Amino acid sequence: MSSQVETPGDLAGGTYKSTVRDKAAQLKQELIKQTLDDIESWRKAVDLEYQQAHPDQPNNISPIPPEEIEGYRNTVRNEYYEWVEPAFEKYLEPDPDALNSMISALRTIESSFGGSQDDAGNYQGASSALSRINDVRTDMAEWEGSFQVNFLDNFVSPLQTSSGNQAAVAKVSREYLECTKVMYIRYRKAVVELLDKSIQAVQTLNNGKDPKSFTWGTLIGISVGTALTLGTGGLAITGAVLIMSSTMSQGLVPDPPKTNELSAPTAQEVAVKVSEAMSKLDGDVLEEERKVQDAFGALADTIIAARKDYGQLWVAAPAISDARPDEITRNLLPDS
């Protein structure tokens, strides 16, 4: 599995935005052109406009004056598909790379708290400051009595475990954000593919002949797994299930694909199907964002529970922190 989620160049930054805007403008022009050129599309437009202009007239009145026909053409050019470009503007955000700084910060935290524990229980932290925990054990060997036992058992050992668990929390959080980034990458790819398929569906309209089928694949779901799981010995492990590597290698193609038919007999009907596909995409991404929200909520609940008394992220204050000078001198804890 790749340790870094990279947004493909054609779906990143200004390149993606320019692509969406250019293709949306092309789709609008193709819809206008085919509505005027395709016999069935134009007949449907004329019927609709005539009925709206003459609600009291029968539908079979002919011929329609040329100037009125030209007015219908202007309506198609200037009104029918004005919604197309603004509708696709909403797909310019969110930017998957906006998550990069948070992912990097969590990776740094994970590395700082990360480390290993040998069979003797000695903790070797990635941070030199955390590695000092082992030195404290050595220094405390010169102590005797209750303070030593309390300090080692109730402070040093939990601190070792807690440090490893803090690294795991950062790791799980990072993986959840990486899953979210993958979802937004898929979201962008789905938008571009929808535009491409929609343009093709309009371009192939051919004067009333059966339209060639063009289907568009919806957004494939992501897996954010379960929340933090606390394993044996109190050390935390992750429950996130990442599928980034296979996703990238397959080009973000759903398997099996869930498709929506975009083809129709007229340009107007294709436009309706495009609008319906956009609604489906909106619903898909809302559902995926809900999964991410639920995953982070479950993670937060686990962390809250682990920070309570004697939890895996809890370190008690050592008894020595409240001891009187004479108690330290005697190296004894009070009986009460």
Protein backbone atom coordinates (compact mmCIF):
# COMPACT_ATOMS: atom_id res chain seq x y z
CA MET A 1 0.00 0.00 0.00
CA SER A 2 1.28 3.43 -0.86
CA SER A 3 2.16 5.57 2.12
CA GLN A 4 1.04 8.69 0.32
CA VAL A 5 -2.22 9.47 -1.46
CA GLU A 6 -1.50 11.60 -4.52
CA THR A 7 -4.22 13.36 -6.46
CA PRO A 8 -3.81 12.55 -10.19
CA GLY A 9 -2.57 15.59 -12.08
CA ASP A 10 -5.66 15.87 -14.28
CA LEU A 11 -7.87 16.02 -11.18
CA ALA A 12 -5.78 18.48 -9.18
CA GLY A 13 -5.93 22.22 -8.71
CA GLY A 14 -6.54 24.56 -11.62
CA THR A 15 -6.26 21.76 -14.19
CA TYR A 16 -9.39 20.09 -12.86
CA LYS A 17 -11.30 23.36 -12.58
CA SER A 18 -10.47 24.34 -16.15
CA THR A 19 -11.51 20.89 -17.39
CA VAL A 20 -14.90 21.04 -15.67
CA ARG A 21 -15.63 24.56 -16.86
CA ASP A 22 -14.57 23.82 -20.43
CA LYS A 23 -16.56 20.61 -20.63
CA ALA A 24 -19.64 22.19 -19.04
CA ALA A 25 -19.51 24.97 -21.64
CA GLN A 26 -19.14 22.35 -24.38
CA LEU A 27 -22.09 20.36 -23.04
CA LYS A 28 -24.24 23.49 -23.08
CA GLN A 29 -23.32 24.28 -26.67
CA GLU A 30 -23.92 20.70 -27.79
CA LEU A 31 -27.37 20.73 -26.18
CA ILE A 32 -28.23 23.98 -27.97
CA LYS A 33 -26.89 22.72 -31.30
CA GLN A 34 -28.68 19.40 -31.18
CA THR A 35 -31.93 20.94 -30.02
CA LEU A 36 -31.87 23.13 -33.12
CA ASP A 37 -30.46 20.53 -35.57
CA ASP A 38 -32.00 17.23 -34.50
CA ILE A 39 -35.49 16.86 -35.99
CA GLU A 40 -37.13 15.28 -32.95
CA SER A 41 -35.47 17.67 -30.52
CA TRP A 42 -36.47 20.70 -32.59
CA ARG A 43 -40.03 19.48 -33.06
CA LYS A 44 -40.35 19.02 -29.32
CA ALA A 45 -38.99 22.53 -28.71
CA VAL A 46 -41.38 24.07 -31.25
CA ASP A 47 -44.39 22.28 -29.80
CA LEU A 48 -43.49 23.39 -26.29
CA GLU A 49 -42.86 27.00 -27.23
CA TYR A 50 -45.98 27.24 -29.37
CA GLN A 51 -48.17 25.85 -26.62
CA GLN A 52 -46.73 28.32 -24.14
CA ALA A 53 -47.17 31.24 -26.55
CA HIS A 54 -50.70 30.20 -27.64
CA PRO A 55 -52.36 28.35 -24.75
CA ASP A 56 -55.81 28.83 -26.31
CA GLN A 57 -54.86 27.48 -29.73
CA PRO A 58 -55.04 23.81 -30.85
CA ASN A 59 -51.66 22.05 -31.08
CA ASN A 60 -51.94 21.30 -34.81
CA ILE A 61 -52.12 24.90 -36.08
CA SER A 62 -49.74 25.42 -39.03
CA PRO A 63 -47.84 26.99 -40.52
CA ILE A 64 -46.18 28.93 -37.70
CA PRO A 65 -44.94 32.34 -38.88
CA PRO A 66 -41.18 32.39 -39.63
CA GLU A 67 -40.54 35.23 -37.20
CA GLU A 68 -42.13 33.21 -34.43
CA ILE A 69 -39.98 30.20 -35.32
CA GLU A 70 -36.88 32.40 -35.13
CA GLY A 71 -38.01 33.57 -31.72
CA TYR A 72 -38.14 29.94 -30.61
CA ARG A 73 -34.58 29.48 -31.83
CA ASN A 74 -33.43 32.45 -29.77
CA THR A 75 -35.19 31.02 -26.73
CA VAL A 76 -33.32 27.73 -27.17
CA ARG A 77 -30.01 29.55 -27.62
CA ASN A 78 -30.41 31.91 -24.67
CA GLU A 79 -32.67 30.21 -22.11
CA TYR A 80 -33.01 26.43 -22.42
CA TYR A 81 -29.62 25.38 -21.08
CA GLU A 82 -28.41 28.35 -19.06
CA TRP A 83 -28.46 26.13 -15.98
CA VAL A 84 -25.72 23.81 -17.20
CA GLU A 85 -22.53 25.75 -16.45
CA PRO A 86 -23.64 27.10 -13.02
CA ALA A 87 -24.79 23.61 -12.03
CA PHE A 88 -21.30 22.16 -12.55
CA GLU A 89 -19.59 25.02 -10.69
CA LYS A 90 -20.52 23.38 -7.38
CA TYR A 91 -18.31 20.40 -8.30
CA LEU A 92 -15.14 22.51 -8.24
CA GLU A 93 -14.95 22.02 -4.47
CA PRO A 94 -13.92 20.42 -2.19
CA ASP A 95 -10.30 20.09 -3.19
CA PRO A 96 -8.82 16.72 -2.10
CA ASP A 97 -5.43 18.37 -1.60
CA ALA A 98 -6.90 20.74 1.01
CA LEU A 99 -6.52 17.79 3.41
CA ASN A 100 -2.77 17.47 2.80
CA SER A 101 -1.66 19.77 5.63
CA MET A 102 -3.79 17.92 8.20
CA ILE A 103 -2.58 14.54 6.92
CA SER A 104 1.04 15.68 7.16
CA ALA A 105 0.52 17.07 10.67
CA LEU A 106 -0.98 13.78 11.86
CA ARG A 107 1.87 11.86 10.24
CA THR A 108 4.33 14.02 12.20
CA ILE A 109 2.45 13.41 15.46
CA GLU A 110 2.33 9.69 14.71
CA SER A 111 6.08 9.62 14.12
CA SER A 112 6.80 11.62 17.27
CA PHE A 113 4.85 9.26 19.50
CA GLY A 114 5.77 6.15 17.58
CA GLY A 115 8.26 3.68 18.92
CA SER A 116 8.69 0.10 20.02
CA GLN A 117 8.72 -1.94 23.19
CA ASP A 118 11.07 -4.84 23.83
CA ASP A 119 10.29 -8.04 25.74
CA ALA A 120 11.53 -6.45 28.96
CA GLY A 121 9.00 -3.64 28.61
CA ASN A 122 11.53 -0.98 27.67
CA TYR A 123 10.03 1.64 25.40
CA GLN A 124 12.12 3.13 22.60
CA GLY A 125 10.36 6.23 21.37
CA ALA A 126 10.90 7.94 18.06
CA SER A 127 11.31 11.14 20.03
CA SER A 128 14.45 11.42 22.15
CA ALA A 129 12.37 12.98 24.92
CA LEU A 130 10.07 9.95 25.04
CA SER A 131 13.06 7.61 25.04
CA ARG A 132 14.05 9.19 28.35
CA ILE A 133 11.30 7.09 29.91
CA ASN A 134 13.74 4.16 29.93
CA ASP A 135 16.36 6.30 31.66
CA VAL A 136 13.86 7.08 34.38
CA ARG A 137 13.44 3.37 35.04
CA THR A 138 17.19 3.07 35.46
CA ASP A 139 17.36 6.08 37.77
CA MET A 140 14.49 4.80 39.88
CA ALA A 141 16.38 1.57 40.55
CA GLU A 142 18.27 3.46 43.26
CA TRP A 143 15.00 4.19 45.06
CA GLU A 144 13.26 2.04 47.56
CA GLY A 145 9.84 1.96 49.11
CA SER A 146 6.34 2.93 48.13
CA PHE A 147 7.29 6.00 46.08
CA GLN A 148 9.36 3.89 43.73
CA VAL A 149 6.64 1.27 43.26
CA ASN A 150 3.95 3.90 42.76
CA PHE A 151 6.02 5.94 40.33
CA LEU A 152 6.99 2.98 38.15
CA ASP A 153 3.69 1.09 38.18
CA ASN A 154 1.24 3.97 38.13
CA PHE A 155 3.12 6.59 36.11
CA VAL A 156 6.05 5.31 34.04
CA SER A 157 4.39 2.13 32.73
CA PRO A 158 1.10 3.86 31.80
CA LEU A 159 3.11 6.65 30.17
CA GLN A 160 4.86 4.10 27.97
CA THR A 161 1.60 2.51 26.94
CA SER A 162 -0.12 5.85 26.47
CA SER A 163 2.63 7.09 24.17
CA GLY A 164 2.16 4.12 21.86
CA ASN A 165 -1.58 4.60 21.95
CA GLN A 166 -1.26 8.29 21.10
CA ALA A 167 0.65 7.26 17.98
CA ALA A 168 -2.15 4.86 17.07
CA VAL A 169 -4.79 7.56 17.51
CA ALA A 170 -2.86 9.81 15.12
CA LYS A 171 -2.49 6.91 12.69
CA VAL A 172 -6.20 6.11 12.66
CA SER A 173 -7.10 9.79 12.23
CA ARG A 174 -4.64 10.10 9.36
CA GLU A 175 -6.03 7.02 7.63
CA TYR A 176 -9.57 8.36 7.94
CA LEU A 177 -8.48 11.62 6.31
CA GLU A 178 -6.68 9.70 3.56
CA CYS A 179 -9.86 7.72 2.91
CA THR A 180 -11.72 11.02 2.69
CA LYS A 181 -9.18 12.34 0.21
CA VAL A 182 -9.60 9.23 -1.93
CA MET A 183 -13.36 9.75 -1.88
CA TYR A 184 -13.02 13.34 -3.10
CA ILE A 185 -10.62 12.21 -5.84
CA ARG A 186 -13.23 9.70 -6.98
CA TYR A 187 -15.84 12.43 -6.77
CA ARG A 188 -13.85 14.61 -9.17
CA LYS A 189 -13.26 11.75 -11.56
CA ALA A 190 -16.98 10.95 -11.55
CA VAL A 191 -17.75 14.58 -12.46
CA VAL A 192 -15.38 14.57 -15.44
CA GLU A 193 -16.70 11.21 -16.65
CA LEU A 194 -20.28 12.45 -16.34
CA LEU A 195 -19.47 15.44 -18.52
CA ASP A 196 -17.71 13.28 -21.12
CA LYS A 197 -20.54 10.77 -21.34
CA SER A 198 -23.17 13.51 -21.43
CA ILE A 199 -21.46 15.27 -24.31
CA GLN A 200 -21.23 11.98 -26.22
CA ALA A 201 -24.90 11.21 -25.57
CA VAL A 202 -25.92 14.58 -27.03
CA GLN A 203 -23.55 14.45 -29.99
CA THR A 204 -24.90 11.11 -31.21
CA LEU A 205 -28.52 12.28 -31.56
CA ASN A 206 -29.40 11.55 -35.16
CA ASN A 207 -32.76 12.83 -36.35
CA GLY A 208 -35.10 10.52 -34.56
CA LYS A 209 -33.09 7.30 -34.84
CA ASP A 210 -32.65 5.15 -31.78
CA PRO A 211 -29.95 6.81 -29.65
CA LYS A 212 -26.67 5.05 -29.01
CA SER A 213 -26.41 3.98 -25.39
CA PHE A 214 -24.08 5.91 -23.10
CA THR A 215 -23.86 4.98 -19.44
CA TRP A 216 -22.12 6.70 -16.56
CA GLY A 217 -20.73 4.95 -13.48
CA THR A 218 -21.66 6.39 -10.11
CA LEU A 219 -19.30 7.09 -7.24
CA ILE A 220 -17.89 3.91 -5.66
CA GLY A 221 -18.07 3.75 -1.86
CA ILE A 222 -15.05 4.03 0.41
CA SER A 223 -14.23 2.07 3.54
CA VAL A 224 -13.21 3.93 6.67
CA GLY A 225 -13.37 0.89 8.91
CA THR A 226 -14.13 0.96 12.62
CA ALA A 227 -12.75 3.18 15.33
CA LEU A 228 -9.58 2.67 17.34
CA THR A 229 -9.32 -0.83 18.78
CA LEU A 230 -7.32 -1.44 21.94
CA GLY A 231 -5.50 -4.73 21.74
CA THR A 232 -3.63 -6.86 24.23
CA GLY A 233 -1.22 -5.11 26.52
CA GLY A 234 -3.09 -1.85 26.11
CA LEU A 235 -1.34 -1.06 22.85
CA ALA A 236 -3.65 0.44 20.26
CA ILE A 237 -4.11 -0.86 16.74
CA THR A 238 -5.98 0.65 13.85
CA GLY A 239 -9.31 -0.47 12.52
CA ALA A 240 -9.24 1.59 9.31
CA VAL A 241 -9.47 -0.40 6.10
CA LEU A 242 -7.76 1.47 3.29
CA ILE A 243 -8.16 0.52 -0.36
CA MET A 244 -6.13 3.31 -1.86
CA SER A 245 -3.53 1.32 -3.77
CA SER A 246 -6.01 -0.87 -5.63
CA THR A 247 -8.23 2.13 -6.25
CA MET A 248 -5.44 4.11 -7.86
CA SER A 249 -4.13 1.20 -9.92
CA GLN A 250 -7.61 0.54 -11.31
CA GLY A 251 -8.06 4.15 -12.26
CA LEU A 252 -10.87 4.76 -9.77
CA VAL A 253 -13.25 2.59 -11.77
CA PRO A 254 -16.14 1.05 -9.81
CA ASP A 255 -16.12 -2.75 -9.72
CA PRO A 256 -18.74 -3.85 -10.40
CA PRO A 257 -19.88 -0.61 -12.06
CA LYS A 258 -23.17 0.99 -11.07
CA THR A 259 -24.35 2.76 -14.18
CA ASN A 260 -26.91 5.34 -15.17
CA GLU A 261 -28.27 5.62 -18.73
CA LEU A 262 -27.72 9.08 -20.19
CA SER A 263 -29.00 8.47 -23.72
CA ALA A 264 -32.45 9.59 -24.85
CA PRO A 265 -34.30 10.38 -28.12
CA THR A 266 -34.01 14.18 -27.76
CA ALA A 267 -31.55 16.71 -26.43
CA GLN A 268 -34.06 17.89 -23.87
CA GLU A 269 -34.45 14.38 -22.49
CA VAL A 270 -30.69 13.90 -22.34
CA ALA A 271 -30.48 17.13 -20.32
CA VAL A 272 -33.04 15.74 -17.87
CA LYS A 273 -31.00 12.55 -17.48
CA VAL A 274 -27.85 14.59 -16.88
CA SER A 275 -29.65 16.49 -14.14
CA GLU A 276 -30.81 13.22 -12.59
CA ALA A 277 -27.26 11.84 -12.71
CA MET A 278 -25.99 14.94 -10.94
CA SER A 279 -28.56 14.40 -8.20
CA LYS A 280 -27.39 10.78 -7.87
CA LEU A 281 -23.79 11.93 -7.55
CA ASP A 282 -24.78 14.47 -4.89
CA GLY A 283 -26.52 11.72 -2.94
CA ASP A 284 -23.55 9.39 -3.27
CA VAL A 285 -21.01 11.86 -1.94
CA LEU A 286 -23.35 12.88 0.89
CA GLU A 287 -23.56 9.23 1.94
CA GLU A 288 -19.77 8.84 1.82
CA GLU A 289 -19.28 11.98 3.89
CA ARG A 290 -21.74 10.58 6.43
CA LYS A 291 -19.60 7.43 6.72
CA VAL A 292 -16.53 9.55 7.42
CA GLN A 293 -18.42 11.63 9.98
CA ASP A 294 -19.65 8.50 11.74
CA ALA A 295 -16.14 7.04 11.77
CA PHE A 296 -14.65 10.15 13.37
CA GLY A 297 -17.52 10.23 15.86
CA ALA A 298 -16.83 6.65 16.89
CA LEU A 299 -13.11 7.43 17.16
CA ALA A 300 -13.83 10.43 19.38
CA ASP A 301 -16.03 8.30 21.66
CA THR A 302 -13.24 5.71 21.96
CA ILE A 303 -10.68 8.39 22.82
CA ILE A 304 -12.97 9.92 25.45
CA ALA A 305 -13.44 6.53 27.08
CA ALA A 306 -9.70 5.79 26.96
CA ARG A 307 -8.85 9.08 28.68
CA LYS A 308 -10.93 8.28 31.73
CA ASP A 309 -9.44 6.83 34.92
CA TYR A 310 -7.13 3.93 34.14
CA GLY A 311 -7.99 4.01 30.44
CA GLN A 312 -5.40 3.32 27.75
CA LEU A 313 -4.79 7.05 27.20
CA TRP A 314 -4.79 8.00 30.91
CA VAL A 315 -1.71 8.61 33.02
CA ALA A 316 -2.22 9.27 36.72
CA ALA A 317 -0.22 11.85 38.60
CA PRO A 318 2.42 10.01 40.68
CA ALA A 319 1.99 10.05 44.43
CA ILE A 320 5.28 11.89 44.75
CA SER A 321 3.78 14.97 43.13
CA ASP A 322 1.65 15.55 46.26
CA ALA A 323 4.17 14.33 48.82
CA ARG A 324 5.50 16.52 51.64
CA PRO A 325 9.26 17.01 51.94
CA ASP A 326 9.48 14.83 55.00
CA GLU A 327 7.62 12.02 53.18
CA ILE A 328 10.12 12.17 50.35
CA THR A 329 12.94 12.09 52.87
CA ARG A 330 11.54 9.00 54.46
CA ASN A 331 10.69 7.63 51.02
CA LEU A 332 7.40 6.44 52.41
CA LEU A 333 3.78 6.97 51.50
CA PRO A 334 1.36 7.84 54.31
CA ASP A 335 -0.80 4.98 55.47
CA SER A 336 -4.03 6.94 55.00
